[in-house]
């Protein structure tokens, strides 16, 4: 089981990998298949990452696409160096 930090790092890494390509539903399907996350939990985590300035979203045709910010990239880079 992932703790909150590990999960958010996993989510950040996933968003970085698909930077701006995926919208909420695609993230939800991919993450629910890999770590058993439900949609409500995903929205809570995305909101927390957005509030922390680690990701941003852009609405396109009624869908929110997710992008990692420079600060989010820094967190991923620092965390991968320490592991």
PDB file of N, CA and C in Angstrom:
ATOM      1  N   UNK A   1       0.849  -1.189   0.000  1.00  0.00           N
ATOM      2  CA  UNK A   1       0.000   0.000   0.000  1.00  0.00           C
ATOM      3  C   UNK A   1       0.893   1.251   0.000  1.00  0.00           C
ATOM      4  N   UNK A   2       0.556   2.200  -0.842  1.00  0.00           N
ATOM      5  CA  UNK A   2       1.320   3.433  -0.923  1.00  0.00           C
ATOM      6  C   UNK A   2       0.857   4.424   0.135  1.00  0.00           C
ATOM      7  N   UNK A   3       1.820   5.115   0.783  1.00  0.00           N
ATOM      8  CA  UNK A   3       1.411   6.189   1.680  1.00  0.00           C
ATOM      9  C   UNK A   3       1.075   7.416   0.825  1.00  0.00           C
ATOM     10  N   UNK A   4       0.588   8.484   1.452  1.00  0.00           N
ATOM     11  CA  UNK A   4       0.149   9.667   0.711  1.00  0.00           C
ATOM     12  C   UNK A   4       1.254  10.257  -0.166  1.00  0.00           C
ATOM     13  N   UNK A   5       2.466  10.371   0.383  1.00  0.00           N
ATOM     14  CA  UNK A   5       3.565  10.947  -0.381  1.00  0.00           C
ATOM     15  C   UNK A   5       3.912  10.075  -1.576  1.00  0.00           C
ATOM     16  N   UNK A   6       4.034   8.769  -1.354  1.00  0.00           N
ATOM     17  CA  UNK A   6       4.369   7.854  -2.441  1.00  0.00           C
ATOM     18  C   UNK A   6       3.300   7.894  -3.524  1.00  0.00           C
ATOM     19  N   UNK A   7       2.042   7.932  -3.092  1.00  0.00           N
ATOM     20  CA  UNK A   7       0.964   7.967  -4.070  1.00  0.00           C
ATOM     21  C   UNK A   7       1.012   9.258  -4.887  1.00  0.00           C
ATOM     22  N   UNK A   8       1.183  10.384  -4.211  1.00  0.00           N
ATOM     23  CA  UNK A   8       1.224  11.668  -4.937  1.00  0.00           C
ATOM     24  C   UNK A   8       2.428  11.732  -5.864  1.00  0.00           C
ATOM     25  N   UNK A   9       3.532  11.165  -5.451  1.00  0.00           N
ATOM     26  CA  UNK A   9       4.712  11.112  -6.315  1.00  0.00           C
ATOM     27  C   UNK A   9       4.421  10.233  -7.532  1.00  0.00           C
ATOM     28  N   UNK A  10       3.776   9.106  -7.310  1.00  0.00           N
ATOM     29  CA  UNK A  10       3.380   8.215  -8.411  1.00  0.00           C
ATOM     30  C   UNK A  10       2.465   8.966  -9.386  1.00  0.00           C
ATOM     31  N   UNK A  11       1.498   9.678  -8.852  1.00  0.00           N
ATOM     32  CA  UNK A  11       0.566  10.447  -9.677  1.00  0.00           C
ATOM     33  C   UNK A  11       1.300  11.549 -10.445  1.00  0.00           C
ATOM     34  N   UNK A  12       2.187  12.263  -9.779  1.00  0.00           N
ATOM     35  CA  UNK A  12       2.984  13.306 -10.449  1.00  0.00           C
ATOM     36  C   UNK A  12       3.818  12.718 -11.590  1.00  0.00           C
ATOM     37  N   UNK A  13       4.442  11.596 -11.329  1.00  0.00           N
ATOM     38  CA  UNK A  13       5.258  10.941 -12.349  1.00  0.00           C
ATOM     39  C   UNK A  13       4.399  10.531 -13.541  1.00  0.00           C
ATOM     40  N   UNK A  14       3.212  10.042 -13.273  1.00  0.00           N
ATOM     41  CA  UNK A  14       2.279   9.641 -14.328  1.00  0.00           C
ATOM     42  C   UNK A  14       1.852  10.845 -15.156  1.00  0.00           C
ATOM     43  N   UNK A  15       1.542  11.943 -14.484  1.00  0.00           N
ATOM     44  CA  UNK A  15       1.148  13.161 -15.198  1.00  0.00           C
ATOM     45  C   UNK A  15       2.315  13.687 -16.017  1.00  0.00           C
ATOM     46  N   UNK A  16       3.516  13.631 -15.458  1.00  0.00           N
ATOM     47  CA  UNK A  16       4.691  14.086 -16.200  1.00  0.00           C
ATOM     48  C   UNK A  16       4.885  13.246 -17.463  1.00  0.00           C
ATOM     49  N   UNK A  17       4.716  11.957 -17.346  1.00  0.00           N
ATOM     50  CA  UNK A  17       4.900  11.051 -18.483  1.00  0.00           C
ATOM     51  C   UNK A  17       3.920  11.356 -19.611  1.00  0.00           C
ATOM     52  N   UNK A  18       2.714  11.746 -19.258  1.00  0.00           N
ATOM     53  CA  UNK A  18       1.660  12.021 -20.241  1.00  0.00           C
ATOM     54  C   UNK A  18       1.285  13.503 -20.240  1.00  0.00           C
ATOM     55  N   UNK A  19       2.227  14.358 -20.008  1.00  0.00           N
ATOM     56  CA  UNK A  19       2.026  15.796 -19.795  1.00  0.00           C
ATOM     57  C   UNK A  19       1.092  16.435 -20.831  1.00  0.00           C
ATOM     58  N   UNK A  20      -0.097  16.766 -20.387  1.00  0.00           N
ATOM     59  CA  UNK A  20      -1.055  17.456 -21.230  1.00  0.00           C
ATOM     60  C   UNK A  20      -1.789  16.582 -22.233  1.00  0.00           C
ATOM     61  N   UNK A  21      -1.464  15.301 -22.277  1.00  0.00           N
ATOM     62  CA  UNK A  21      -2.098  14.401 -23.240  1.00  0.00           C
ATOM     63  C   UNK A  21      -3.381  13.776 -22.705  1.00  0.00           C
ATOM     64  N   UNK A  22      -3.462  13.634 -21.398  1.00  0.00           N
ATOM     65  CA  UNK A  22      -4.575  12.895 -20.811  1.00  0.00           C
ATOM     66  C   UNK A  22      -5.488  13.804 -20.010  1.00  0.00           C
ATOM     67  N   UNK A  23      -6.769  13.503 -20.068  1.00  0.00           N
ATOM     68  CA  UNK A  23      -7.742  14.201 -19.240  1.00  0.00           C
ATOM     69  C   UNK A  23      -8.140  13.291 -18.082  1.00  0.00           C
ATOM     70  N   UNK A  24      -9.007  13.803 -17.223  1.00  0.00           N
ATOM     71  CA  UNK A  24      -9.326  13.122 -15.980  1.00  0.00           C
ATOM     72  C   UNK A  24      -9.731  11.660 -16.178  1.00  0.00           C
ATOM     73  N   UNK A  25     -10.614  11.386 -17.094  1.00  0.00           N
ATOM     74  CA  UNK A  25     -11.114  10.018 -17.278  1.00  0.00           C
ATOM     75  C   UNK A  25      -9.980   9.058 -17.631  1.00  0.00           C
ATOM     76  N   UNK A  26      -9.066   9.496 -18.490  1.00  0.00           N
ATOM     77  CA  UNK A  26      -7.948   8.636 -18.864  1.00  0.00           C
ATOM     78  C   UNK A  26      -7.036   8.361 -17.665  1.00  0.00           C
ATOM     79  N   UNK A  27      -6.770   9.385 -16.880  1.00  0.00           N
ATOM     80  CA  UNK A  27      -5.993   9.181 -15.651  1.00  0.00           C
ATOM     81  C   UNK A  27      -6.712   8.219 -14.715  1.00  0.00           C
ATOM     82  N   UNK A  28      -8.012   8.416 -14.561  1.00  0.00           N
ATOM     83  CA  UNK A  28      -8.807   7.568 -13.680  1.00  0.00           C
ATOM     84  C   UNK A  28      -8.742   6.107 -14.118  1.00  0.00           C
ATOM     85  N   UNK A  29      -8.911   5.838 -15.393  1.00  0.00           N
ATOM     86  CA  UNK A  29      -8.876   4.456 -15.898  1.00  0.00           C
ATOM     87  C   UNK A  29      -7.499   3.834 -15.686  1.00  0.00           C
ATOM     88  N   UNK A  30      -6.454   4.583 -16.003  1.00  0.00           N
ATOM     89  CA  UNK A  30      -5.098   4.049 -15.874  1.00  0.00           C
ATOM     90  C   UNK A  30      -4.746   3.779 -14.412  1.00  0.00           C
ATOM     91  N   UNK A  31      -5.073   4.711 -13.540  1.00  0.00           N
ATOM     92  CA  UNK A  31      -4.705   4.555 -12.134  1.00  0.00           C
ATOM     93  C   UNK A  31      -5.584   3.555 -11.407  1.00  0.00           C
ATOM     94  N   UNK A  32      -6.849   3.477 -11.759  1.00  0.00           N
ATOM     95  CA  UNK A  32      -7.697   2.484 -11.101  1.00  0.00           C
ATOM     96  C   UNK A  32      -7.259   1.077 -11.497  1.00  0.00           C
ATOM     97  N   UNK A  33      -6.731   0.928 -12.714  1.00  0.00           N
ATOM     98  CA  UNK A  33      -6.257  -0.379 -13.162  1.00  0.00           C
ATOM     99  C   UNK A  33      -4.933  -0.762 -12.489  1.00  0.00           C
ATOM    100  N   UNK A  34      -4.086   0.220 -12.191  1.00  0.00           N
ATOM    101  CA  UNK A  34      -2.770  -0.110 -11.638  1.00  0.00           C
ATOM    102  C   UNK A  34      -2.730  -0.115 -10.116  1.00  0.00           C
ATOM    103  N   UNK A  35      -3.453   0.798  -9.463  1.00  0.00           N
ATOM    104  CA  UNK A  35      -3.363   0.851  -7.995  1.00  0.00           C
ATOM    105  C   UNK A  35      -4.721   0.850  -7.301  1.00  0.00           C
ATOM    106  N   UNK A  36      -5.783   0.607  -8.042  1.00  0.00           N
ATOM    107  CA  UNK A  36      -7.095   0.471  -7.433  1.00  0.00           C
ATOM    108  C   UNK A  36      -7.697   1.749  -6.886  1.00  0.00           C
ATOM    109  N   UNK A  37      -7.377   2.856  -7.483  1.00  0.00           N
ATOM    110  CA  UNK A  37      -7.874   4.158  -7.046  1.00  0.00           C
ATOM    111  C   UNK A  37      -9.273   4.402  -7.609  1.00  0.00           C
ATOM    112  N   UNK A  38     -10.152   5.005  -6.818  1.00  0.00           N
ATOM    113  CA  UNK A  38     -11.458   5.345  -7.367  1.00  0.00           C
ATOM    114  C   UNK A  38     -11.489   6.823  -7.769  1.00  0.00           C
ATOM    115  N   UNK A  39     -12.478   7.197  -8.542  1.00  0.00           N
ATOM    116  CA  UNK A  39     -12.577   8.549  -9.093  1.00  0.00           C
ATOM    117  C   UNK A  39     -12.602   9.650  -8.055  1.00  0.00           C
ATOM    118  N   UNK A  40     -13.298   9.428  -6.960  1.00  0.00           N
ATOM    119  CA  UNK A  40     -13.378  10.437  -5.903  1.00  0.00           C
ATOM    120  C   UNK A  40     -12.008  10.689  -5.275  1.00  0.00           C
ATOM    121  N   UNK A  41     -11.271   9.601  -5.042  1.00  0.00           N
ATOM    122  CA  UNK A  41      -9.923   9.722  -4.471  1.00  0.00           C
ATOM    123  C   UNK A  41      -9.007  10.467  -5.441  1.00  0.00           C
ATOM    124  N   UNK A  42      -9.128  10.155  -6.724  1.00  0.00           N
ATOM    125  CA  UNK A  42      -8.301  10.819  -7.723  1.00  0.00           C
ATOM    126  C   UNK A  42      -8.569  12.317  -7.746  1.00  0.00           C
ATOM    127  N   UNK A  43      -9.829  12.712  -7.715  1.00  0.00           N
ATOM    128  CA  UNK A  43     -10.158  14.147  -7.725  1.00  0.00           C
ATOM    129  C   UNK A  43      -9.560  14.847  -6.506  1.00  0.00           C
ATOM    130  N   UNK A  44      -9.648  14.202  -5.350  1.00  0.00           N
ATOM    131  CA  UNK A  44      -9.070  14.770  -4.118  1.00  0.00           C
ATOM    132  C   UNK A  44      -7.569  14.965  -4.272  1.00  0.00           C
ATOM    133  N   UNK A  45      -6.887  13.971  -4.812  1.00  0.00           N
ATOM    134  CA  UNK A  45      -5.440  14.052  -4.975  1.00  0.00           C
ATOM    135  C   UNK A  45      -5.048  15.078  -6.035  1.00  0.00           C
ATOM    136  N   UNK A  46      -5.778  15.133  -7.142  1.00  0.00           N
ATOM    137  CA  UNK A  46      -5.494  16.133  -8.172  1.00  0.00           C
ATOM    138  C   UNK A  46      -5.683  17.542  -7.616  1.00  0.00           C
ATOM    139  N   UNK A  47      -6.727  17.741  -6.832  1.00  0.00           N
ATOM    140  CA  UNK A  47      -6.954  19.054  -6.204  1.00  0.00           C
ATOM    141  C   UNK A  47      -5.809  19.424  -5.268  1.00  0.00           C
ATOM    142  N   UNK A  48      -5.323  18.449  -4.493  1.00  0.00           N
ATOM    143  CA  UNK A  48      -4.209  18.706  -3.568  1.00  0.00           C
ATOM    144  C   UNK A  48      -2.938  19.072  -4.340  1.00  0.00           C
ATOM    145  N   UNK A  49      -2.667  18.357  -5.422  1.00  0.00           N
ATOM    146  CA  UNK A  49      -1.477  18.657  -6.233  1.00  0.00           C
ATOM    147  C   UNK A  49      -1.595  20.022  -6.911  1.00  0.00           C
ATOM    148  N   UNK A  50      -2.788  20.354  -7.355  1.00  0.00           N
ATOM    149  CA  UNK A  50      -3.022  21.659  -7.997  1.00  0.00           C
ATOM    150  C   UNK A  50      -2.860  22.777  -6.971  1.00  0.00           C
ATOM    151  N   UNK A  51      -3.413  22.604  -5.779  1.00  0.00           N
ATOM    152  CA  UNK A  51      -3.297  23.602  -4.712  1.00  0.00           C
ATOM    153  C   UNK A  51      -1.839  23.810  -4.313  1.00  0.00           C
ATOM    154  N   UNK A  52      -1.064  22.742  -4.328  1.00  0.00           N
ATOM    155  CA  UNK A  52       0.359  22.821  -3.978  1.00  0.00           C
ATOM    156  C   UNK A  52       1.199  23.410  -5.117  1.00  0.00           C
ATOM    157  N   UNK A  53       0.587  23.629  -6.277  1.00  0.00           N
ATOM    158  CA  UNK A  53       1.313  24.206  -7.406  1.00  0.00           C
ATOM    159  C   UNK A  53       2.162  23.203  -8.174  1.00  0.00           C
ATOM    160  N   UNK A  54       1.877  21.908  -8.001  1.00  0.00           N
ATOM    161  CA  UNK A  54       2.670  20.875  -8.655  1.00  0.00           C
ATOM    162  C   UNK A  54       2.109  20.467 -10.016  1.00  0.00           C
ATOM    163  N   UNK A  55       0.818  20.703 -10.214  1.00  0.00           N
ATOM    164  CA  UNK A  55       0.194  20.456 -11.510  1.00  0.00           C
ATOM    165  C   UNK A  55      -0.741  21.614 -11.831  1.00  0.00           C
ATOM    166  N   UNK A  56      -1.146  21.681 -13.075  1.00  0.00           N
ATOM    167  CA  UNK A  56      -2.187  22.620 -13.488  1.00  0.00           C
ATOM    168  C   UNK A  56      -3.081  21.876 -14.467  1.00  0.00           C
ATOM    169  N   UNK A  57      -4.260  22.394 -14.663  1.00  0.00           N
ATOM    170  CA  UNK A  57      -5.161  21.777 -15.629  1.00  0.00           C
ATOM    171  C   UNK A  57      -5.655  22.835 -16.593  1.00  0.00           C
ATOM    172  N   UNK A  58      -6.024  22.367 -17.762  1.00  0.00           N
ATOM    173  CA  UNK A  58      -6.561  23.261 -18.784  1.00  0.00           C
ATOM    174  C   UNK A  58      -7.807  22.621 -19.361  1.00  0.00           C
ATOM    175  N   UNK A  59      -8.866  23.381 -19.407  1.00  0.00           N
ATOM    176  CA  UNK A  59     -10.139  22.908 -19.931  1.00  0.00           C
ATOM    177  C   UNK A  59     -10.133  23.034 -21.450  1.00  0.00           C
ATOM    178  N   UNK A  60     -10.377  21.907 -22.118  1.00  0.00           N
ATOM    179  CA  UNK A  60     -10.468  21.879 -23.576  1.00  0.00           C
ATOM    180  C   UNK A  60     -11.695  21.045 -23.940  1.00  0.00           C
ATOM    181  N   UNK A  61     -12.636  21.666 -24.616  1.00  0.00           N
ATOM    182  CA  UNK A  61     -13.858  20.975 -25.049  1.00  0.00           C
ATOM    183  C   UNK A  61     -14.547  20.240 -23.900  1.00  0.00           C
ATOM    184  N   UNK A  62     -14.601  20.888 -22.740  1.00  0.00           N
ATOM    185  CA  UNK A  62     -15.286  20.318 -21.590  1.00  0.00           C
ATOM    186  C   UNK A  62     -14.497  19.284 -20.811  1.00  0.00           C
ATOM    187  N   UNK A  63     -13.235  19.068 -21.170  1.00  0.00           N
ATOM    188  CA  UNK A  63     -12.396  18.097 -20.467  1.00  0.00           C
ATOM    189  C   UNK A  63     -11.202  18.807 -19.857  1.00  0.00           C
ATOM    190  N   UNK A  64     -10.847  18.410 -18.635  1.00  0.00           N
ATOM    191  CA  UNK A  64      -9.679  18.973 -17.956  1.00  0.00           C
ATOM    192  C   UNK A  64      -8.457  18.114 -18.247  1.00  0.00           C
ATOM    193  N   UNK A  65      -7.500  18.686 -18.950  1.00  0.00           N
ATOM    194  CA  UNK A  65      -6.230  18.025 -19.239  1.00  0.00           C
ATOM    195  C   UNK A  65      -5.205  18.472 -18.205  1.00  0.00           C
ATOM    196  N   UNK A  66      -4.337  17.555 -17.800  1.00  0.00           N
ATOM    197  CA  UNK A  66      -3.417  17.816 -16.698  1.00  0.00           C
ATOM    198  C   UNK A  66      -1.976  17.933 -17.174  1.00  0.00           C
ATOM    199  N   UNK A  67      -1.287  18.924 -16.599  1.00  0.00           N
ATOM    200  CA  UNK A  67       0.103  19.238 -16.920  1.00  0.00           C
ATOM    201  C   UNK A  67       0.887  19.341 -15.621  1.00  0.00           C
ATOM    202  N   UNK A  68       2.133  18.918 -15.660  1.00  0.00           N
ATOM    203  CA  UNK A  68       3.003  19.089 -14.500  1.00  0.00           C
ATOM    204  C   UNK A  68       3.654  20.472 -14.597  1.00  0.00           C
ATOM    205  N   UNK A  69       3.824  21.117 -13.471  1.00  0.00           N
ATOM    206  CA  UNK A  69       4.478  22.435 -13.441  1.00  0.00           C
ATOM    207  C   UNK A  69       5.983  22.248 -13.241  1.00  0.00           C
ATOM    208  N   UNK A  70       6.718  23.333 -13.359  1.00  0.00           N
ATOM    209  CA  UNK A  70       8.160  23.270 -13.102  1.00  0.00           C
ATOM    210  C   UNK A  70       8.438  22.788 -11.674  1.00  0.00           C
ATOM    211  N   UNK A  71       7.638  23.262 -10.732  1.00  0.00           N
ATOM    212  CA  UNK A  71       7.801  22.825  -9.342  1.00  0.00           C
ATOM    213  C   UNK A  71       7.508  21.333  -9.212  1.00  0.00           C
ATOM    214  N   UNK A  72       6.504  20.850  -9.909  1.00  0.00           N
ATOM    215  CA  UNK A  72       6.209  19.417  -9.902  1.00  0.00           C
ATOM    216  C   UNK A  72       7.353  18.595 -10.468  1.00  0.00           C
ATOM    217  N   UNK A  73       7.950  19.088 -11.550  1.00  0.00           N
ATOM    218  CA  UNK A  73       9.114  18.402 -12.135  1.00  0.00           C
ATOM    219  C   UNK A  73      10.279  18.363 -11.132  1.00  0.00           C
ATOM    220  N   UNK A  74      10.460  19.470 -10.409  1.00  0.00           N
ATOM    221  CA  UNK A  74      11.530  19.519  -9.417  1.00  0.00           C
ATOM    222  C   UNK A  74      11.301  18.486  -8.324  1.00  0.00           C
ATOM    223  N   UNK A  75      10.076  18.369  -7.847  1.00  0.00           N
ATOM    224  CA  UNK A  75       9.750  17.393  -6.802  1.00  0.00           C
ATOM    225  C   UNK A  75      10.024  15.972  -7.301  1.00  0.00           C
ATOM    226  N   UNK A  76       9.624  15.665  -8.518  1.00  0.00           N
ATOM    227  CA  UNK A  76       9.873  14.337  -9.079  1.00  0.00           C
ATOM    228  C   UNK A  76      11.380  14.089  -9.188  1.00  0.00           C
ATOM    229  N   UNK A  77      12.115  15.063  -9.680  1.00  0.00           N
ATOM    230  CA  UNK A  77      13.568  14.899  -9.851  1.00  0.00           C
ATOM    231  C   UNK A  77      14.272  14.699  -8.517  1.00  0.00           C
ATOM    232  N   UNK A  78      13.949  15.516  -7.519  1.00  0.00           N
ATOM    233  CA  UNK A  78      14.575  15.399  -6.198  1.00  0.00           C
ATOM    234  C   UNK A  78      14.215  14.065  -5.558  1.00  0.00           C
ATOM    235  N   UNK A  79      12.960  13.650  -5.694  1.00  0.00           N
ATOM    236  CA  UNK A  79      12.523  12.404  -5.084  1.00  0.00           C
ATOM    237  C   UNK A  79      13.169  11.193  -5.734  1.00  0.00           C
ATOM    238  N   UNK A  80      13.354  11.244  -7.056  1.00  0.00           N
ATOM    239  CA  UNK A  80      13.992  10.094  -7.714  1.00  0.00           C
ATOM    240  C   UNK A  80      15.474  10.018  -7.401  1.00  0.00           C
ATOM    241  N   UNK A  81      16.111  11.141  -7.123  1.00  0.00           N
ATOM    242  CA  UNK A  81      17.536  11.130  -6.740  1.00  0.00           C
ATOM    243  C   UNK A  81      17.725  10.544  -5.342  1.00  0.00           C
ATOM    244  N   UNK A  82      16.734  10.771  -4.463  1.00  0.00           N
ATOM    245  CA  UNK A  82      16.878  10.301  -3.090  1.00  0.00           C
ATOM    246  C   UNK A  82      16.512   8.834  -2.912  1.00  0.00           C
ATOM    247  N   UNK A  83      15.973   8.207  -3.949  1.00  0.00           N
ATOM    248  CA  UNK A  83      15.575   6.792  -3.823  1.00  0.00           C
ATOM    249  C   UNK A  83      16.657   5.864  -4.238  1.00  0.00           C
TER     250      UNK A  83
END
